[in-house]
Amino acid sequence: MLRAMFQVCHLYWLERHLGVESKKIINDCMAGGKLALSHDFMVREFDNVQKKAATVGWYPEGLVARPLPFRVHLNYIS
């Protein structure tokens, strides 16, 4: 889910700031097309996000980013 949101944000950014317009879906999905470029970017950048988040104790996979087990302390629960 986080990956999908990341890609949607990138597609929006491509349209707004670079003027990359959608063409036929077949063209957008081909190598060098808008969706292919966005997917490649998303995979590369999301891997960086995962690595950086893991270094500070977060596991960003699935629906939400959640703390790793060593970050959850029972003393913090009221």
Protein backbone atom coordinates (compact mmCIF):
# COMPACT_ATOMS: atom_id res chain seq x y z
CA MET A 1 0.00 0.00 0.00
CA LEU A 2 2.84 2.39 0.82
CA ARG A 3 4.50 1.55 -2.48
CA ALA A 4 1.30 2.32 -4.38
CA MET A 5 0.92 5.68 -2.61
CA PHE A 6 4.56 6.49 -3.33
CA GLN A 7 4.03 5.76 -7.04
CA VAL A 8 0.80 7.75 -7.25
CA CYS A 9 2.57 10.76 -5.73
CA HIS A 10 5.37 10.41 -8.28
CA LEU A 11 2.91 10.16 -11.19
CA TYR A 12 1.21 13.33 -9.97
CA TRP A 13 4.60 15.06 -9.69
CA LEU A 14 5.51 14.00 -13.26
CA GLU A 15 2.29 15.48 -14.61
CA ARG A 16 2.42 18.73 -12.62
CA HIS A 17 6.10 19.65 -12.76
CA LEU A 18 7.56 17.95 -15.81
CA GLY A 19 4.52 18.10 -18.06
CA VAL A 20 4.62 14.37 -18.80
CA GLU A 21 1.21 13.73 -20.30
CA SER A 22 -0.56 10.39 -20.40
CA LYS A 23 -0.84 8.76 -23.79
CA LYS A 24 -2.41 5.45 -24.65
CA ILE A 25 -2.07 2.95 -21.82
CA ILE A 26 -0.04 0.63 -24.05
CA ASN A 27 2.52 3.43 -24.64
CA ASP A 28 2.65 4.39 -20.96
CA CYS A 29 3.44 0.79 -19.96
CA MET A 30 6.20 0.22 -22.52
CA ALA A 31 9.88 0.74 -21.72
CA GLY A 32 10.45 4.47 -21.42
CA GLY A 33 6.74 5.12 -20.89
CA LYS A 34 5.30 7.13 -18.03
CA LEU A 35 4.20 4.16 -15.91
CA ALA A 36 7.41 2.24 -16.53
CA LEU A 37 9.53 5.25 -15.53
CA SER A 38 7.42 5.85 -12.46
CA HIS A 39 7.61 2.20 -11.41
CA ASP A 40 11.39 2.09 -11.81
CA PHE A 41 11.73 5.29 -9.79
CA MET A 42 9.37 4.01 -7.11
CA VAL A 43 11.24 0.72 -6.70
CA ARG A 44 14.61 2.45 -6.47
CA GLU A 45 13.52 5.23 -4.11
CA PHE A 46 11.28 3.09 -1.91
CA ASP A 47 14.19 0.72 -1.31
CA ASN A 48 16.18 3.73 -0.09
CA VAL A 49 13.28 4.78 2.15
CA GLN A 50 13.08 1.26 3.62
CA LYS A 51 16.81 1.16 4.34
CA LYS A 52 16.84 4.60 5.96
CA ALA A 53 13.72 3.87 8.03
CA ALA A 54 15.18 0.56 9.21
CA THR A 55 18.30 2.32 10.48
CA VAL A 56 16.14 4.33 12.89
CA GLY A 57 13.91 1.43 13.90
CA TRP A 58 10.90 1.55 11.57
CA TYR A 59 9.62 -1.21 9.29
CA PRO A 60 7.86 0.44 6.31
CA GLU A 61 6.14 -2.52 4.66
CA GLY A 62 2.48 -3.39 4.36
CA LEU A 63 -0.26 -0.87 5.05
CA VAL A 64 1.59 1.38 7.48
CA ALA A 65 5.08 1.99 8.78
CA ARG A 66 5.36 0.44 12.21
CA PRO A 67 8.11 0.36 14.82
CA LEU A 68 10.40 -2.62 15.02
CA PRO A 69 9.90 -4.77 18.15
CA PHE A 70 12.89 -3.30 19.97
CA ARG A 71 11.29 0.17 19.75
CA VAL A 72 8.06 -0.88 21.48
CA HIS A 73 8.37 -0.43 25.25
CA LEU A 74 5.64 -1.36 27.70
CA ASN A 75 6.63 1.60 29.89
CA TYR A 76 5.24 3.97 27.24
CA ILE A 77 1.76 2.43 27.31
CA SER A 78 -0.62 4.26 29.66
